């Protein structure tokens, strides 16, 4: 047989690659990616608890029989003014389910409607638009109760509470501090610095002054490797948030856990420390996803709208996925970034430095600037792996100035990775990005 004929026979028997189509959370619609079966090690999906059959009833029950504290009604009967803290548009908290039972309880217990303030915990984020307030609260609540935005930069709206044991200067919103009854409403998920969201973070960052927030996001905390997703017991930032919340006063929380479709899977109300701890325990079990070993290429997201509205928020998708990728590997982040890079301050900073080394040198020798902390997290990721960003909302000129690379599509980025690491490169996919607590399974190490 001639060499030509042998080559032709071999080609006729080549088995074409088979692919798995995986839907990624991206913007409001999502997008699909195809990964060759031979390369795919695992899709790291959230194995959340089942949705509650009657979440409204679960909220009522939690207010009447909370964790570690008297009922909300008992608190309310001793108060004249209440402040309810809720998240801004960057957090998909189901307030339209959670708030009505809370508000009804407060009014039935004797607090007048005009003495119940709903405070949007913006931290240093921008205020909500009219349309966003409708999404956060709904029309009925927006028009029936006083609604105010926290303004961290308005020093005249803050009260000084002194310093923590670590010398963090504490400034807290007066509308919050002056209330007789202080309630926070949020949800619990892995957080790139604080370990998990919810609990005291709603107060200590969401309602804090600019100086306090800057300190909490400074290298003095973020250089610590224990300031990361899932870390609680020895996380210095977590314990600082608890101390600040207690200084400000924190009476009652209503935190929930959510599944991938953002259905409520658990309600954790009551004494802030106890209820938050119970929620963390439940969430850790449901969002933990393991990979047998670190892989060459990870495809991840920032969990879609609203978390991937900006590049600033989308960096959470990078840090959450790092445990799954080999050092020096490739991390492909799909985040729409419909509102671009983020605030003007962050956009200027993200495109200002020639290299991550220049930025790292700068933050350790200059006073803290607003938003530098998110870029520090980005630099950590970029030093560990090759980050490739797929973001339709960021213009090409800005992409060229970031600490990361970019691609027009996930497919293009994946092809680039397979060329770099070889046709047998290992790939893992994390469709819901920062909602997933990623770990390497120790039984395979």
Protein backbone atom coordinates (compact mmCIF):
# COMPACT_ATOMS: atom_id res chain seq x y z
CA UNK A 1 0.00 0.00 0.00
CA UNK A 2 1.34 3.42 -0.91
CA UNK A 3 1.94 6.08 1.77
CA UNK A 4 -0.70 8.24 0.10
CA UNK A 5 -3.30 5.47 0.29
CA UNK A 6 -2.47 4.72 3.96
CA UNK A 7 -2.88 8.39 4.83
CA UNK A 8 -6.24 8.50 3.07
CA UNK A 9 -7.50 5.36 4.87
CA UNK A 10 -6.44 6.80 8.22
CA UNK A 11 -8.27 10.06 7.53
CA UNK A 12 -11.48 8.15 6.70
CA UNK A 13 -11.41 6.51 10.14
CA UNK A 14 -10.77 9.63 12.23
CA UNK A 15 -13.54 10.05 14.78
CA UNK A 16 -14.71 13.68 14.85
CA UNK A 17 -14.55 15.51 18.17
CA UNK A 18 -17.71 15.58 20.22
CA UNK A 19 -18.57 18.66 22.22
CA UNK A 20 -20.60 19.56 25.26
CA UNK A 21 -22.70 22.70 25.00
CA UNK A 22 -22.71 24.63 28.29
CA UNK A 23 -24.85 27.66 29.08
CA UNK A 24 -22.99 30.47 30.83
CA UNK A 25 -24.53 33.24 32.93
CA UNK A 26 -23.73 36.37 30.89
CA UNK A 27 -25.72 39.58 31.02
CA UNK A 28 -29.48 39.03 31.05
CA UNK A 29 -29.63 36.38 28.33
CA UNK A 30 -26.56 34.23 28.88
CA UNK A 31 -24.48 32.59 26.19
CA UNK A 32 -23.55 29.07 25.12
CA UNK A 33 -20.06 27.66 24.77
CA UNK A 34 -18.93 24.34 23.30
CA UNK A 35 -16.06 22.48 24.95
CA UNK A 36 -14.55 19.29 23.49
CA UNK A 37 -15.54 16.28 25.59
CA UNK A 38 -11.99 14.99 25.63
CA UNK A 39 -10.77 18.18 27.31
CA UNK A 40 -13.63 18.80 29.71
CA UNK A 41 -12.77 17.67 33.23
CA UNK A 42 -15.87 18.99 34.96
CA UNK A 43 -18.66 21.56 34.92
CA UNK A 44 -18.68 23.05 38.41
CA UNK A 45 -22.37 23.59 39.02
CA UNK A 46 -24.05 24.78 42.18
CA UNK A 47 -25.83 21.95 43.97
CA UNK A 48 -28.07 24.32 45.89
CA UNK A 49 -30.72 23.30 48.35
CA UNK A 50 -34.19 23.00 46.79
CA UNK A 51 -36.26 26.20 46.60
CA UNK A 52 -38.62 26.77 49.47
CA UNK A 53 -42.18 25.81 48.56
CA UNK A 54 -43.58 28.87 50.34
CA UNK A 55 -40.79 31.44 50.86
CA UNK A 56 -43.18 34.10 52.14
CA UNK A 57 -44.39 31.79 54.89
CA UNK A 58 -40.79 30.92 55.70
CA UNK A 59 -40.03 34.61 56.18
CA UNK A 60 -43.00 35.02 58.52
CA UNK A 61 -41.89 32.02 60.57
CA UNK A 62 -38.33 33.29 60.80
CA UNK A 63 -39.49 36.67 62.10
CA UNK A 64 -41.59 35.00 64.78
CA UNK A 65 -39.02 32.35 65.72
CA UNK A 66 -35.61 33.80 64.86
CA UNK A 67 -32.16 32.40 65.58
CA UNK A 68 -30.68 33.44 68.91
CA UNK A 69 -32.92 36.44 69.59
CA UNK A 70 -36.42 37.61 70.50
CA UNK A 71 -38.96 37.91 67.69
CA UNK A 72 -38.90 40.97 65.45
CA UNK A 73 -42.23 42.05 66.95
CA UNK A 74 -40.67 42.10 70.44
CA UNK A 75 -37.89 44.36 69.20
CA UNK A 76 -40.37 46.61 67.41
CA UNK A 77 -42.63 47.08 70.44
CA UNK A 78 -39.68 48.74 72.23
CA UNK A 79 -38.80 51.08 69.35
CA UNK A 80 -40.13 54.29 67.83
CA UNK A 81 -37.88 54.52 64.78
CA UNK A 82 -36.62 51.72 62.59
CA UNK A 83 -34.04 51.58 59.82
CA UNK A 84 -34.11 48.71 57.33
CA UNK A 85 -30.92 48.37 55.31
CA UNK A 86 -31.19 46.79 51.86
CA UNK A 87 -28.66 46.16 49.09
CA UNK A 88 -28.35 48.22 45.93
CA UNK A 89 -28.89 46.91 42.39
CA UNK A 90 -25.60 44.97 42.37
CA UNK A 91 -27.08 42.34 44.72
CA UNK A 92 -30.14 40.32 43.61
CA UNK A 93 -31.85 40.22 47.01
CA UNK A 94 -35.55 39.23 46.75
CA UNK A 95 -36.77 42.27 48.70
CA UNK A 96 -40.27 42.09 47.30
CA UNK A 97 -40.71 38.84 49.23
CA UNK A 98 -38.69 39.76 52.31
CA UNK A 99 -39.78 43.32 53.03
CA UNK A 100 -43.60 43.09 53.24
CA UNK A 101 -43.62 40.77 56.32
CA UNK A 102 -40.96 42.93 57.98
CA UNK A 103 -42.81 46.18 57.31
CA UNK A 104 -46.14 44.75 58.42
CA UNK A 105 -44.59 43.48 61.67
CA UNK A 106 -43.07 46.87 62.45
CA UNK A 107 -46.31 48.75 61.84
CA UNK A 108 -48.45 46.25 63.72
CA UNK A 109 -46.05 46.57 66.65
CA UNK A 110 -46.61 50.31 66.83
CA UNK A 111 -43.93 51.95 64.66
CA UNK A 112 -45.44 54.64 62.44
CA UNK A 113 -44.89 54.25 58.72
CA UNK A 114 -43.08 57.57 58.41
CA UNK A 115 -40.66 56.42 61.14
CA UNK A 116 -39.54 53.41 59.11
CA UNK A 117 -36.60 54.38 56.89
CA UNK A 118 -35.39 52.10 54.12
CA UNK A 119 -31.68 52.75 53.61
CA UNK A 120 -30.01 51.62 50.39
CA UNK A 121 -26.56 50.33 51.41
CA UNK A 122 -24.56 51.68 48.51
CA UNK A 123 -21.17 51.65 50.19
CA UNK A 124 -19.20 53.69 47.66
CA UNK A 125 -21.38 52.65 44.71
CA UNK A 126 -23.48 55.20 42.81
CA UNK A 127 -27.07 55.91 43.87
CA UNK A 128 -29.86 53.85 42.30
CA UNK A 129 -31.79 55.12 39.31
CA UNK A 130 -35.58 55.36 39.43
CA UNK A 131 -35.81 52.19 37.36
CA UNK A 132 -33.42 50.36 39.67
CA UNK A 133 -35.41 51.35 42.75
CA UNK A 134 -38.42 49.68 41.17
CA UNK A 135 -36.37 46.50 40.77
CA UNK A 136 -34.97 46.72 44.30
CA UNK A 137 -38.15 47.60 46.19
CA UNK A 138 -41.15 47.70 43.89
CA UNK A 139 -43.54 50.59 43.33
CA UNK A 140 -45.70 50.12 46.44
CA UNK A 141 -42.83 50.18 48.94
CA UNK A 142 -40.98 52.98 47.16
CA UNK A 143 -43.98 55.30 47.45
CA UNK A 144 -45.23 54.32 50.91
CA UNK A 145 -42.02 54.53 52.96
CA UNK A 146 -39.11 56.96 53.26
CA UNK A 147 -36.29 55.65 51.05
CA UNK A 148 -32.80 57.17 51.25
CA UNK A 149 -29.44 56.30 49.77
CA UNK A 150 -26.35 56.01 51.91
CA UNK A 151 -23.78 58.59 50.80
CA UNK A 152 -20.37 57.52 52.04
CA UNK A 153 -18.63 60.66 50.80
CA UNK A 154 -20.98 63.02 52.67
CA UNK A 155 -19.12 63.35 55.98
CA UNK A 156 -21.94 65.50 57.41
CA UNK A 157 -24.25 62.48 57.08
CA UNK A 158 -21.91 60.23 59.10
CA UNK A 159 -21.30 59.88 62.82
CA UNK A 160 -17.86 59.07 64.24
CA UNK A 161 -17.80 56.06 66.57
CA UNK A 162 -14.09 56.05 67.36
CA UNK A 163 -11.68 53.28 66.37
CA UNK A 164 -11.63 49.50 66.32
CA UNK A 165 -8.95 47.43 68.02
CA UNK A 166 -6.99 47.53 64.73
CA UNK A 167 -7.28 51.35 64.63
CA UNK A 168 -9.86 51.51 61.86
CA UNK A 169 -11.67 54.87 62.15
CA UNK A 170 -15.40 54.11 62.17
CA UNK A 171 -17.89 56.44 60.49
CA UNK A 172 -21.50 55.22 60.11
CA UNK A 173 -24.57 56.69 58.40
CA UNK A 174 -26.56 58.83 60.87
CA UNK A 175 -29.91 57.59 59.53
CA UNK A 176 -28.82 54.11 60.51
CA UNK A 177 -27.19 54.94 63.83
CA UNK A 178 -30.07 57.15 65.06
CA UNK A 179 -32.71 54.43 64.62
CA UNK A 180 -33.97 52.58 67.71
CA UNK A 181 -34.25 49.36 65.73
CA UNK A 182 -31.60 48.46 63.17
CA UNK A 183 -32.39 45.69 60.67
CA UNK A 184 -30.40 44.47 57.67
CA UNK A 185 -31.82 42.47 54.78
CA UNK A 186 -29.45 40.64 52.47
CA UNK A 187 -28.29 37.35 51.09
CA UNK A 188 -25.36 35.09 51.74
CA UNK A 189 -22.89 34.10 49.04
CA UNK A 190 -19.12 33.65 48.83
CA UNK A 191 -17.33 37.02 48.88
CA UNK A 192 -13.90 37.63 47.43
CA UNK A 193 -12.58 39.45 50.52
CA UNK A 194 -14.95 38.97 53.46
CA UNK A 195 -15.44 35.22 53.01
CA UNK A 196 -19.22 35.48 52.69
CA UNK A 197 -21.61 38.38 52.12
CA UNK A 198 -24.51 39.38 54.35
CA UNK A 199 -24.48 39.84 58.11
CA UNK A 200 -22.28 42.63 59.47
CA UNK A 201 -20.94 43.56 56.03
CA UNK A 202 -24.25 45.28 55.31
CA UNK A 203 -23.49 47.74 58.11
CA UNK A 204 -19.72 47.96 58.27
CA UNK A 205 -19.27 48.59 54.54
CA UNK A 206 -22.74 49.23 53.11
CA UNK A 207 -23.50 52.03 55.60
CA UNK A 208 -19.95 53.21 56.42
CA UNK A 209 -18.16 56.43 55.59
CA UNK A 210 -15.55 56.74 52.89
CA UNK A 211 -12.58 56.69 55.28
CA UNK A 212 -13.79 53.51 56.95
CA UNK A 213 -14.43 51.75 53.64
CA UNK A 214 -11.01 52.72 52.33
CA UNK A 215 -9.29 51.25 55.37
CA UNK A 216 -11.29 48.02 55.18
CA UNK A 217 -10.22 47.62 51.55
CA UNK A 218 -6.59 48.60 52.02
CA UNK A 219 -3.53 46.37 51.58
CA UNK A 220 -3.34 46.08 55.39
CA UNK A 221 -6.26 43.67 55.04
CA UNK A 222 -6.16 42.48 51.44
CA UNK A 223 -2.53 41.40 51.48
CA UNK A 224 -3.61 38.68 53.89
CA UNK A 225 -4.25 35.46 51.88
CA UNK A 226 -7.08 34.58 54.29
CA UNK A 227 -9.14 37.51 52.97
CA UNK A 228 -10.74 35.37 50.29
CA UNK A 229 -13.88 33.45 49.33
CA UNK A 230 -15.14 31.04 51.95
CA UNK A 231 -12.65 32.14 54.62
CA UNK A 232 -14.27 33.07 57.95
CA UNK A 233 -12.60 31.79 61.12
CA UNK A 234 -9.20 33.43 60.60
CA UNK A 235 -10.23 36.12 58.12
CA UNK A 236 -9.15 39.48 59.64
CA UNK A 237 -11.60 41.45 57.50
CA UNK A 238 -14.56 39.34 58.61
CA UNK A 239 -13.76 39.96 62.26
CA UNK A 240 -13.23 43.68 61.67
CA UNK A 241 -16.69 43.90 60.07
CA UNK A 242 -18.23 42.19 63.08
CA UNK A 243 -16.56 44.64 65.47
CA UNK A 244 -17.73 47.67 63.48
CA UNK A 245 -21.30 46.38 63.20
CA UNK A 246 -21.44 45.92 66.96
CA UNK A 247 -20.10 49.44 67.51
CA UNK A 248 -22.81 50.84 65.24
CA UNK A 249 -25.54 48.65 66.68
CA UNK A 250 -27.04 45.76 64.77
CA UNK A 251 -30.25 44.33 66.17
CA UNK A 252 -31.71 41.92 63.65
CA UNK A 253 -30.90 40.40 60.27
CA UNK A 254 -32.98 38.74 57.60
CA UNK A 255 -30.55 36.98 55.27
CA UNK A 256 -31.44 34.42 52.65
CA UNK A 257 -29.69 31.83 50.53
CA UNK A 258 -30.49 31.54 46.82
CA UNK A 259 -30.18 28.89 44.14
CA UNK A 260 -28.81 29.41 40.63
CA UNK A 261 -32.16 30.78 39.47
CA UNK A 262 -32.24 33.09 42.50
CA UNK A 263 -35.06 31.27 44.22
CA UNK A 264 -34.96 31.41 48.02
CA UNK A 265 -33.59 28.19 49.52
CA UNK A 266 -33.27 29.29 53.14
CA UNK A 267 -34.15 32.16 55.47
CA UNK A 268 -31.85 33.07 58.37
CA UNK A 269 -33.28 35.72 60.67
CA UNK A 270 -32.39 36.82 64.17
CA UNK A 271 -29.31 37.80 66.15
CA UNK A 272 -26.78 38.93 63.53
CA UNK A 273 -23.80 36.74 64.50
CA UNK A 274 -25.83 33.61 65.18
CA UNK A 275 -28.15 33.88 62.18
CA UNK A 276 -25.34 34.77 59.80
CA UNK A 277 -23.24 31.83 61.04
CA UNK A 278 -26.18 29.47 60.49
CA UNK A 279 -26.65 30.85 57.01
CA UNK A 280 -22.97 30.48 56.15
CA UNK A 281 -23.01 26.84 57.23
CA UNK A 282 -25.98 26.12 54.98
CA UNK A 283 -24.65 28.09 52.02
CA UNK A 284 -21.19 26.54 52.19
CA UNK A 285 -22.72 23.09 51.78
CA UNK A 286 -24.85 24.10 48.81
CA UNK A 287 -22.43 26.26 46.78
CA UNK A 288 -19.28 24.22 47.23
CA UNK A 289 -18.12 22.61 43.99
CA UNK A 290 -14.93 20.62 43.61
CA UNK A 291 -12.60 19.77 40.77
CA UNK A 292 -10.35 16.66 40.94
CA UNK A 293 -7.26 18.79 40.39
CA UNK A 294 -6.27 22.18 39.07
CA UNK A 295 -6.71 22.39 35.29
CA UNK A 296 -4.97 24.17 32.42
CA UNK A 297 -7.97 26.28 31.37
CA UNK A 298 -10.96 27.51 33.36
CA UNK A 299 -13.96 29.12 31.72
CA UNK A 300 -15.96 31.17 34.20
CA UNK A 301 -18.39 34.08 34.51
CA UNK A 302 -19.43 36.80 36.90
CA UNK A 303 -22.87 35.18 37.30
CA UNK A 304 -24.63 37.37 34.75
CA UNK A 305 -26.86 40.37 35.40
CA UNK A 306 -26.66 42.31 37.67
CA UNK A 307 -23.25 41.15 38.92
CA UNK A 308 -21.56 41.57 35.53
CA UNK A 309 -22.87 45.08 34.82
CA UNK A 310 -19.34 46.46 35.21
CA UNK A 311 -15.79 45.21 35.03
CA UNK A 312 -15.35 46.38 38.62
CA UNK A 313 -17.95 43.90 39.85
CA UNK A 314 -16.89 41.21 37.38
CA UNK A 315 -13.46 40.82 38.94
CA UNK A 316 -15.22 38.66 41.53
CA UNK A 317 -15.54 36.06 38.80
CA UNK A 318 -11.76 35.95 38.42
CA UNK A 319 -10.90 35.46 42.06
CA UNK A 320 -13.63 32.89 42.68
CA UNK A 321 -12.26 30.64 39.94
CA UNK A 322 -8.56 30.76 40.85
CA UNK A 323 -8.54 27.59 43.00
CA UNK A 324 -9.50 25.54 39.92
CA UNK A 325 -6.74 26.72 37.57
CA UNK A 326 -3.08 25.74 37.58
CA UNK A 327 -0.57 28.47 38.35
CA UNK A 328 0.36 29.87 34.96
CA UNK A 329 -2.78 28.45 33.37
CA UNK A 330 -5.53 30.34 31.57
CA UNK A 331 -8.70 31.76 33.09
CA UNK A 332 -11.36 32.86 30.60
CA UNK A 333 -13.88 35.27 32.11
CA UNK A 334 -17.17 35.92 30.28
CA UNK A 335 -18.77 39.08 31.71
CA UNK A 336 -20.95 41.40 29.64
CA UNK A 337 -19.97 44.64 31.43
CA UNK A 338 -22.88 46.50 29.85
CA UNK A 339 -21.97 49.61 31.87
CA UNK A 340 -18.30 49.40 30.96
CA UNK A 341 -15.44 49.43 33.45
CA UNK A 342 -17.37 51.01 36.33
CA UNK A 343 -17.02 54.36 38.07
CA UNK A 344 -14.89 57.10 36.51
CA UNK A 345 -12.36 56.70 39.31
CA UNK A 346 -12.02 52.97 38.75
CA UNK A 347 -11.93 53.29 34.95
CA UNK A 348 -9.10 55.81 35.21
CA UNK A 349 -7.17 53.65 37.66
CA UNK A 350 -7.67 50.41 35.72
CA UNK A 351 -6.19 51.98 32.57
CA UNK A 352 -3.55 54.12 34.28
CA UNK A 353 -0.69 51.76 35.11
CA UNK A 354 1.66 50.16 32.61
CA UNK A 355 1.87 46.88 34.48
CA UNK A 356 0.53 45.11 37.52
CA UNK A 357 3.97 45.54 39.12
CA UNK A 358 3.69 49.33 38.79
CA UNK A 359 0.25 49.24 40.38
CA UNK A 360 1.33 46.97 43.23
CA UNK A 361 4.28 49.23 43.99
CA UNK A 362 1.99 52.27 44.00
CA UNK A 363 -0.68 50.95 46.38
CA UNK A 364 1.93 50.06 49.00
CA UNK A 365 3.44 53.54 49.01
CA UNK A 366 0.44 55.87 48.61
CA UNK A 367 -2.74 56.63 50.56
CA UNK A 368 -5.71 54.44 49.66
CA UNK A 369 -7.76 55.64 46.72
CA UNK A 370 -11.35 54.68 46.09
CA UNK A 371 -11.77 51.42 44.16
CA UNK A 372 -8.08 50.42 44.24
CA UNK A 373 -9.04 47.28 46.19
CA UNK A 374 -10.87 45.69 43.29
CA UNK A 375 -7.93 46.30 41.01
CA UNK A 376 -5.65 44.76 43.64
CA UNK A 377 -7.79 41.61 43.47
CA UNK A 378 -7.47 41.69 39.68
CA UNK A 379 -3.69 41.93 39.95
CA UNK A 380 -3.62 38.94 42.30
CA UNK A 381 -5.49 36.93 39.67
CA UNK A 382 -3.37 38.19 36.76
CA UNK A 383 -0.16 37.24 38.56
CA UNK A 384 -1.44 33.73 39.15
CA UNK A 385 -2.93 32.95 35.71
CA UNK A 386 -3.34 34.32 32.22
CA UNK A 387 -6.70 36.13 32.36
CA UNK A 388 -8.65 36.45 29.11
CA UNK A 389 -11.70 38.73 29.27
CA UNK A 390 -14.75 38.35 27.02
CA UNK A 391 -16.81 41.50 27.58
CA UNK A 392 -18.99 43.07 24.92
CA UNK A 393 -19.56 46.28 26.89
CA UNK A 394 -15.93 47.44 27.11
CA UNK A 395 -14.38 49.25 24.16
CA UNK A 396 -11.22 47.94 22.56
CA UNK A 397 -9.07 50.92 23.56
CA UNK A 398 -9.85 50.33 27.24
CA UNK A 399 -9.31 46.57 26.96
CA UNK A 400 -5.83 47.19 25.61
CA UNK A 401 -4.89 49.10 28.78
CA UNK A 402 -6.07 46.53 31.33
CA UNK A 403 -3.89 44.04 33.24
CA UNK A 404 -5.64 41.21 31.39
CA UNK A 405 -5.93 40.00 27.82
CA UNK A 406 -9.17 39.92 25.86
CA UNK A 407 -10.97 37.91 23.19
CA UNK A 408 -14.07 38.54 21.10
CA UNK A 409 -15.69 35.27 22.18
CA UNK A 410 -15.24 32.42 24.61
CA UNK A 411 -14.66 30.11 21.66
CA UNK A 412 -11.80 32.26 20.43
CA UNK A 413 -10.24 32.37 23.89
CA UNK A 414 -10.59 28.60 24.31
CA UNK A 415 -8.96 27.96 20.94
CA UNK A 416 -6.10 30.19 22.02
CA UNK A 417 -5.75 28.19 25.23
CA UNK A 418 -5.77 24.82 23.45
CA UNK A 419 -3.03 26.01 21.12
CA UNK A 420 -0.95 27.15 24.06
CA UNK A 421 -1.40 24.15 26.34
CA UNK A 422 -1.86 21.47 23.69
CA UNK A 423 -4.78 19.52 22.27
CA UNK A 424 -5.09 17.47 25.45
CA UNK A 425 -5.27 20.47 27.78
CA UNK A 426 -7.65 20.06 30.71
CA UNK A 427 -10.67 22.39 30.93
CA UNK A 428 -13.18 23.15 33.70
CA UNK A 429 -16.25 25.37 33.37
CA UNK A 430 -17.94 27.41 36.13
CA UNK A 431 -21.24 28.71 34.69
CA UNK A 432 -22.22 30.78 37.74
CA UNK A 433 -18.83 32.26 38.67
CA UNK A 434 -18.82 33.94 42.08
CA UNK A 435 -21.94 32.09 43.27
CA UNK A 436 -19.75 28.98 43.32
CA UNK A 437 -17.30 28.20 46.12
CA UNK A 438 -14.57 26.40 44.17
CA UNK A 439 -12.22 23.94 45.84
CA UNK A 440 -9.84 21.20 44.72
CA UNK A 441 -11.13 17.88 46.09
CA UNK A 442 -8.47 16.78 48.60
CA UNK A 443 -9.26 13.12 47.95
CA UNK A 444 -7.79 13.51 44.45
CA UNK A 445 -4.68 15.47 45.41
